[in-house]
Amino acid sequence: MQKNILYIHGFNSSPLSVKAEQARQYFFNNFPQVHFYCPQVASNPKEAIDQLEHIIQSSQTKGLWYLMGSSLGGYFASHLSEKYNFPCVLINPAIKPFELLQDYLGEQVNPYTEEVYQVTTEHMTELKVIEPKPPSFDMQQKNNYLVMVQTDDEVLNYQEAVKKYQHCRLVVEEGGDHSFVDFEQHLPVIADFFNLTVFNTAKNIQ
């Protein structure tokens, strides 16, 4: 069965971000049989979810899905994981972006795409509507999440993610920052979490 990874970048980010490029290259080199998707996510939260669900539901992308999300992308990924029961990796995930982004209301410019757009109070409402519930102590939910945080994240309070996902598999690293320093070193762990097999070999990544 076809295996697909959907990587969801964060606020004011892009498929050209360092983590997205590292993930794309790693899976291309080691798991070429896996389809890797990393779209430029719409700035409007509702449009973003519609866009991501369209990719998942497209007749051209059938098979097994694995989700990866960074920051705001982690929030979206958690919502989709809850809805579709997909395995999900969250990297320094936003927990309450509808509160955090209050400081960003008004005009924004995406530094990658140079798109000029407005962040509105309506967007905050759209984010609140899709707020994922904390996973309960349930083996299936527990196994659906791998949550990776660094304690010196200058944008988000990592403890909020640790509290919300306390029943999940957690990687808590001292230091680092919001970009998740040395992210590429964790990609083999992510591949193992997704139960991916190295192409044309009998070995699994450990």
C-alpha atoms as a PDB file:
ATOM      1  CA  MET A   1       0.000   0.000   0.000  1.00  0.00           C
ATOM      2  CA  GLN A   2       1.223   3.485  -0.855  1.00  0.00           C
ATOM      3  CA  LYS A   3       2.680   5.423   2.090  1.00  0.00           C
ATOM      4  CA  ASN A   4       2.431   9.205   2.232  1.00  0.00           C
ATOM      5  CA  ILE A   5       3.928  11.837   4.515  1.00  0.00           C
ATOM      6  CA  LEU A   6       2.275  15.237   4.831  1.00  0.00           C
ATOM      7  CA  TYR A   7       4.595  17.854   6.328  1.00  0.00           C
ATOM      8  CA  ILE A   8       2.817  21.022   7.525  1.00  0.00           C
ATOM      9  CA  HIS A   9       4.985  24.084   8.017  1.00  0.00           C
ATOM     10  CA  GLY A  10       4.372  26.812  10.573  1.00  0.00           C
ATOM     11  CA  PHE A  11       3.160  30.406  10.631  1.00  0.00           C
ATOM     12  CA  ASN A  12       4.831  32.666   8.040  1.00  0.00           C
ATOM     13  CA  SER A  13       6.879  29.710   6.857  1.00  0.00           C
ATOM     14  CA  SER A  14       7.171  27.677   3.670  1.00  0.00           C
ATOM     15  CA  PRO A  15       8.112  24.330   2.089  1.00  0.00           C
ATOM     16  CA  LEU A  16      11.516  26.013   1.653  1.00  0.00           C
ATOM     17  CA  SER A  17      12.103  26.200   5.418  1.00  0.00           C
ATOM     18  CA  VAL A  18      15.152  24.357   6.735  1.00  0.00           C
ATOM     19  CA  LYS A  19      13.204  21.592   8.521  1.00  0.00           C
ATOM     20  CA  ALA A  20      10.924  20.985   5.542  1.00  0.00           C
ATOM     21  CA  GLU A  21      13.902  20.746   3.171  1.00  0.00           C
ATOM     22  CA  GLN A  22      15.784  18.442   5.545  1.00  0.00           C
ATOM     23  CA  ALA A  23      12.766  16.151   5.892  1.00  0.00           C
ATOM     24  CA  ARG A  24      12.125  16.102   2.148  1.00  0.00           C
ATOM     25  CA  GLN A  25      15.728  15.219   1.347  1.00  0.00           C
ATOM     26  CA  TYR A  26      15.987  12.604   4.081  1.00  0.00           C
ATOM     27  CA  PHE A  27      12.879  10.709   3.020  1.00  0.00           C
ATOM     28  CA  PHE A  28      13.791  11.022  -0.674  1.00  0.00           C
ATOM     29  CA  ASN A  29      17.246   9.559  -0.030  1.00  0.00           C
ATOM     30  CA  ASN A  30      16.226   6.786   2.343  1.00  0.00           C
ATOM     31  CA  PHE A  31      12.584   6.021   1.516  1.00  0.00           C
ATOM     32  CA  PRO A  32      12.036   6.904  -2.169  1.00  0.00           C
ATOM     33  CA  GLN A  33       8.944   4.701  -2.193  1.00  0.00           C
ATOM     34  CA  VAL A  34       7.231   7.103   0.239  1.00  0.00           C
ATOM     35  CA  HIS A  35       5.430  10.096  -1.249  1.00  0.00           C
ATOM     36  CA  PHE A  36       6.338  13.321   0.569  1.00  0.00           C
ATOM     37  CA  TYR A  37       3.945  16.263   0.438  1.00  0.00           C
ATOM     38  CA  CYS A  38       4.745  19.717   1.770  1.00  0.00           C
ATOM     39  CA  PRO A  39       2.439  22.359   0.278  1.00  0.00           C
ATOM     40  CA  GLN A  40       2.569  26.100   0.762  1.00  0.00           C
ATOM     41  CA  VAL A  41      -0.176  26.263   3.372  1.00  0.00           C
ATOM     42  CA  ALA A  42      -2.849  28.937   2.987  1.00  0.00           C
ATOM     43  CA  SER A  43      -2.624  31.895   5.392  1.00  0.00           C
ATOM     44  CA  ASN A  44      -6.315  31.603   6.287  1.00  0.00           C
ATOM     45  CA  PRO A  45      -6.803  28.777   8.855  1.00  0.00           C
ATOM     46  CA  LYS A  46     -10.057  27.479   7.392  1.00  0.00           C
ATOM     47  CA  GLU A  47      -8.618  27.508   3.877  1.00  0.00           C
ATOM     48  CA  ALA A  48      -5.495  25.775   5.187  1.00  0.00           C
ATOM     49  CA  ILE A  49      -7.477  22.883   6.683  1.00  0.00           C
ATOM     50  CA  ASP A  50      -9.588  22.570   3.524  1.00  0.00           C
ATOM     51  CA  GLN A  51      -6.395  22.509   1.459  1.00  0.00           C
ATOM     52  CA  LEU A  52      -4.742  19.831   3.603  1.00  0.00           C
ATOM     53  CA  GLU A  53      -7.850  17.657   3.696  1.00  0.00           C
ATOM     54  CA  HIS A  54      -8.131  17.912  -0.079  1.00  0.00           C
ATOM     55  CA  ILE A  55      -4.603  16.494  -0.398  1.00  0.00           C
ATOM     56  CA  ILE A  56      -5.433  13.621   1.952  1.00  0.00           C
ATOM     57  CA  GLN A  57      -8.750  12.835   0.275  1.00  0.00           C
ATOM     58  CA  SER A  58      -7.563  13.173  -3.321  1.00  0.00           C
ATOM     59  CA  SER A  59      -7.983  10.029  -5.411  1.00  0.00           C
ATOM     60  CA  GLN A  60      -4.341  10.416  -6.482  1.00  0.00           C
ATOM     61  CA  THR A  61      -3.067  10.160  -2.897  1.00  0.00           C
ATOM     62  CA  LYS A  62      -4.696   7.021  -1.512  1.00  0.00           C
ATOM     63  CA  GLY A  63      -2.925   4.819   0.992  1.00  0.00           C
ATOM     64  CA  LEU A  64      -1.450   5.244   4.452  1.00  0.00           C
ATOM     65  CA  TRP A  65      -0.832   8.741   5.774  1.00  0.00           C
ATOM     66  CA  TYR A  66       1.687  10.027   8.295  1.00  0.00           C
ATOM     67  CA  LEU A  67       1.633  13.621   9.491  1.00  0.00           C
ATOM     68  CA  MET A  68       4.418  15.983  10.531  1.00  0.00           C
ATOM     69  CA  GLY A  69       3.772  19.500  11.765  1.00  0.00           C
ATOM     70  CA  SER A  70       5.949  22.313  13.071  1.00  0.00           C
ATOM     71  CA  SER A  71       4.633  25.109  15.326  1.00  0.00           C
ATOM     72  CA  LEU A  72       1.249  26.196  13.872  1.00  0.00           C
ATOM     73  CA  GLY A  73       1.609  23.287  11.454  1.00  0.00           C
ATOM     74  CA  GLY A  74       1.715  21.032  14.504  1.00  0.00           C
ATOM     75  CA  TYR A  75      -1.627  22.425  15.600  1.00  0.00           C
ATOM     76  CA  PHE A  76      -3.097  21.648  12.178  1.00  0.00           C
ATOM     77  CA  ALA A  77      -1.465  18.204  12.141  1.00  0.00           C
ATOM     78  CA  SER A  78      -2.898  17.360  15.567  1.00  0.00           C
ATOM     79  CA  HIS A  79      -6.393  18.342  14.390  1.00  0.00           C
ATOM     80  CA  LEU A  80      -6.054  16.129  11.315  1.00  0.00           C
ATOM     81  CA  SER A  81      -4.601  13.256  13.340  1.00  0.00           C
ATOM     82  CA  GLU A  82      -7.548  13.409  15.713  1.00  0.00           C
ATOM     83  CA  LYS A  83     -10.027  13.508  12.834  1.00  0.00           C
ATOM     84  CA  TYR A  84      -8.493  10.771  10.672  1.00  0.00           C
ATOM     85  CA  ASN A  85      -6.599   8.722  13.288  1.00  0.00           C
ATOM     86  CA  PHE A  86      -3.232   9.182  11.534  1.00  0.00           C
ATOM     87  CA  PRO A  87       0.184   8.809  13.189  1.00  0.00           C
ATOM     88  CA  CYS A  88       1.547  12.275  13.833  1.00  0.00           C
ATOM     89  CA  VAL A  89       4.880  13.910  14.727  1.00  0.00           C
ATOM     90  CA  LEU A  90       4.707  17.357  16.316  1.00  0.00           C
ATOM     91  CA  ILE A  91       7.804  19.596  16.397  1.00  0.00           C
ATOM     92  CA  ASN A  92       7.646  22.476  18.909  1.00  0.00           C
ATOM     93  CA  PRO A  93       3.863  22.550  18.337  1.00  0.00           C
ATOM     94  CA  ALA A  94       1.651  25.559  18.979  1.00  0.00           C
ATOM     95  CA  ILE A  95      -0.909  24.669  21.663  1.00  0.00           C
ATOM     96  CA  LYS A  96      -3.106  27.777  21.728  1.00  0.00           C
ATOM     97  CA  PRO A  97      -2.285  29.734  18.550  1.00  0.00           C
ATOM     98  CA  PHE A  98      -5.563  31.656  18.844  1.00  0.00           C
ATOM     99  CA  GLU A  99      -3.999  33.333  21.880  1.00  0.00           C
ATOM    100  CA  LEU A 100      -0.417  33.592  20.630  1.00  0.00           C
ATOM    101  CA  LEU A 101      -1.350  35.151  17.288  1.00  0.00           C
ATOM    102  CA  GLN A 102      -3.335  37.947  18.914  1.00  0.00           C
ATOM    103  CA  ASP A 103      -0.014  39.814  18.860  1.00  0.00           C
ATOM    104  CA  TYR A 104       0.170  39.389  15.081  1.00  0.00           C
ATOM    105  CA  LEU A 105      -3.215  40.827  14.133  1.00  0.00           C
ATOM    106  CA  GLY A 106      -3.046  43.044  11.084  1.00  0.00           C
ATOM    107  CA  GLU A 107      -0.810  42.997   8.035  1.00  0.00           C
ATOM    108  CA  GLN A 108       1.788  40.249   7.706  1.00  0.00           C
ATOM    109  CA  VAL A 109       4.370  39.498   5.033  1.00  0.00           C
ATOM    110  CA  ASN A 110       5.553  35.919   4.520  1.00  0.00           C
ATOM    111  CA  PRO A 111       9.377  36.179   4.297  1.00  0.00           C
ATOM    112  CA  TYR A 112       9.584  33.198   1.952  1.00  0.00           C
ATOM    113  CA  THR A 113       6.789  33.958  -0.501  1.00  0.00           C
ATOM    114  CA  GLU A 114       6.497  37.749   0.048  1.00  0.00           C
ATOM    115  CA  GLU A 115       2.730  37.272   0.270  1.00  0.00           C
ATOM    116  CA  VAL A 116       1.066  40.238   1.993  1.00  0.00           C
ATOM    117  CA  TYR A 117      -2.025  39.224   3.961  1.00  0.00           C
ATOM    118  CA  GLN A 118      -4.115  40.123   7.007  1.00  0.00           C
ATOM    119  CA  VAL A 119      -4.334  38.189  10.277  1.00  0.00           C
ATOM    120  CA  THR A 120      -7.824  38.814  11.640  1.00  0.00           C
ATOM    121  CA  THR A 121      -9.896  38.090  14.737  1.00  0.00           C
ATOM    122  CA  GLU A 122     -11.982  35.790  12.536  1.00  0.00           C
ATOM    123  CA  HIS A 123      -8.862  33.700  11.997  1.00  0.00           C
ATOM    124  CA  MET A 124      -8.516  33.355  15.770  1.00  0.00           C
ATOM    125  CA  THR A 125     -12.089  32.055  15.935  1.00  0.00           C
ATOM    126  CA  GLU A 126     -11.353  29.558  13.143  1.00  0.00           C
ATOM    127  CA  LEU A 127      -8.316  28.301  15.055  1.00  0.00           C
ATOM    128  CA  LYS A 128     -10.281  27.949  18.282  1.00  0.00           C
ATOM    129  CA  VAL A 129     -12.974  25.880  16.530  1.00  0.00           C
ATOM    130  CA  ILE A 130     -10.471  23.189  15.528  1.00  0.00           C
ATOM    131  CA  GLU A 131      -8.599  23.064  18.864  1.00  0.00           C
ATOM    132  CA  PRO A 132      -7.579  19.409  19.376  1.00  0.00           C
ATOM    133  CA  LYS A 133      -8.399  17.737  22.657  1.00  0.00           C
ATOM    134  CA  PRO A 134      -5.542  16.479  24.855  1.00  0.00           C
ATOM    135  CA  PRO A 135      -4.960  12.797  24.059  1.00  0.00           C
ATOM    136  CA  SER A 136      -6.306  10.612  26.840  1.00  0.00           C
ATOM    137  CA  PHE A 137      -4.424   7.697  28.350  1.00  0.00           C
ATOM    138  CA  ASP A 138      -5.486   5.408  25.546  1.00  0.00           C
ATOM    139  CA  MET A 139      -2.958   3.097  23.909  1.00  0.00           C
ATOM    140  CA  GLN A 140      -4.062   3.904  20.357  1.00  0.00           C
ATOM    141  CA  GLN A 141      -3.991   7.679  20.898  1.00  0.00           C
ATOM    142  CA  LYS A 142      -0.730   7.364  22.831  1.00  0.00           C
ATOM    143  CA  ASN A 143       0.886   5.560  19.917  1.00  0.00           C
ATOM    144  CA  ASN A 144      -0.431   8.092  17.403  1.00  0.00           C
ATOM    145  CA  TYR A 145       1.782  10.932  18.656  1.00  0.00           C
ATOM    146  CA  LEU A 146       5.485  11.622  18.835  1.00  0.00           C
ATOM    147  CA  VAL A 147       5.969  15.102  20.310  1.00  0.00           C
ATOM    148  CA  MET A 148       9.373  16.805  20.116  1.00  0.00           C
ATOM    149  CA  VAL A 149      10.131  20.013  22.032  1.00  0.00           C
ATOM    150  CA  GLN A 150      13.193  22.020  23.030  1.00  0.00           C
ATOM    151  CA  THR A 151      13.197  23.845  26.334  1.00  0.00           C
ATOM    152  CA  ASP A 152      14.705  27.133  25.073  1.00  0.00           C
ATOM    153  CA  ASP A 153      11.956  27.678  22.476  1.00  0.00           C
ATOM    154  CA  GLU A 154      11.771  31.484  22.403  1.00  0.00           C
ATOM    155  CA  VAL A 155       8.299  31.586  20.807  1.00  0.00           C
ATOM    156  CA  LEU A 156       6.296  28.909  22.635  1.00  0.00           C
ATOM    157  CA  ASN A 157       6.250  27.612  26.197  1.00  0.00           C
ATOM    158  CA  TYR A 158       7.376  24.018  25.733  1.00  0.00           C
ATOM    159  CA  GLN A 159       5.733  23.034  29.034  1.00  0.00           C
ATOM    160  CA  GLU A 160       2.297  23.582  27.486  1.00  0.00           C
ATOM    161  CA  ALA A 161       3.039  20.895  24.899  1.00  0.00           C
ATOM    162  CA  VAL A 162       4.476  18.549  27.529  1.00  0.00           C
ATOM    163  CA  LYS A 163       1.336  18.953  29.652  1.00  0.00           C
ATOM    164  CA  LYS A 164      -1.113  18.503  26.775  1.00  0.00           C
ATOM    165  CA  TYR A 165       0.679  15.473  25.329  1.00  0.00           C
ATOM    166  CA  GLN A 166       1.804  13.961  28.627  1.00  0.00           C
ATOM    167  CA  HIS A 167       0.316  10.590  27.725  1.00  0.00           C
ATOM    168  CA  CYS A 168       2.149  10.470  24.393  1.00  0.00           C
ATOM    169  CA  ARG A 169       5.679   9.666  23.359  1.00  0.00           C
ATOM    170  CA  LEU A 170       7.721  12.765  24.228  1.00  0.00           C
ATOM    171  CA  VAL A 171      11.194  13.953  23.277  1.00  0.00           C
ATOM    172  CA  VAL A 172      12.170  16.877  25.537  1.00  0.00           C
ATOM    173  CA  GLU A 173      15.594  18.348  24.751  1.00  0.00           C
ATOM    174  CA  GLU A 174      17.384  20.883  26.909  1.00  0.00           C
ATOM    175  CA  GLY A 175      18.336  24.070  25.079  1.00  0.00           C
ATOM    176  CA  GLY A 176      17.629  24.545  21.395  1.00  0.00           C
ATOM    177  CA  ASP A 177      15.138  27.086  20.078  1.00  0.00           C
ATOM    178  CA  HIS A 178      11.865  27.347  18.155  1.00  0.00           C
ATOM    179  CA  SER A 179      13.498  26.155  14.938  1.00  0.00           C
ATOM    180  CA  PHE A 180      14.385  22.874  16.714  1.00  0.00           C
ATOM    181  CA  VAL A 181      18.167  22.781  16.572  1.00  0.00           C
ATOM    182  CA  ASP A 182      19.689  19.649  14.963  1.00  0.00           C
ATOM    183  CA  PHE A 183      16.287  18.533  13.710  1.00  0.00           C
ATOM    184  CA  GLU A 184      17.879  16.398  10.996  1.00  0.00           C
ATOM    185  CA  GLN A 185      19.429  14.131  13.634  1.00  0.00           C
ATOM    186  CA  HIS A 186      15.925  13.113  14.739  1.00  0.00           C
ATOM    187  CA  LEU A 187      14.668  12.094  11.305  1.00  0.00           C
ATOM    188  CA  PRO A 188      15.683   8.413  11.753  1.00  0.00           C
ATOM    189  CA  VAL A 189      13.621   8.362  14.976  1.00  0.00           C
ATOM    190  CA  ILE A 190      10.659   9.807  13.066  1.00  0.00           C
ATOM    191  CA  ALA A 191      11.034   7.203  10.316  1.00  0.00           C
ATOM    192  CA  ASP A 192      11.093   4.481  12.955  1.00  0.00           C
ATOM    193  CA  PHE A 193       7.976   5.934  14.601  1.00  0.00           C
ATOM    194  CA  PHE A 194       6.247   5.720  11.202  1.00  0.00           C
ATOM    195  CA  ASN A 195       7.431   2.100  10.844  1.00  0.00           C
ATOM    196  CA  LEU A 196       9.126   2.862   7.551  1.00  0.00           C
ATOM    197  CA  THR A 197      11.483   0.332   6.014  1.00  0.00           C
ATOM    198  CA  VAL A 198      14.652   1.311   4.179  1.00  0.00           C
ATOM    199  CA  PHE A 199      14.110   0.822   0.448  1.00  0.00           C
ATOM    200  CA  ASN A 200      15.607  -2.417  -0.930  1.00  0.00           C
ATOM    201  CA  THR A 201      17.127  -3.521   2.374  1.00  0.00           C
ATOM    202  CA  ALA A 202      15.958  -5.727   5.224  1.00  0.00           C
ATOM    203  CA  LYS A 203      16.986  -3.212   7.854  1.00  0.00           C
ATOM    204  CA  ASN A 204      14.795  -0.822   9.753  1.00  0.00           C
ATOM    205  CA  ILE A 205      16.128   2.527  10.863  1.00  0.00           C
ATOM    206  CA  GLN A 206      16.822   2.411  14.558  1.00  0.00           C
END
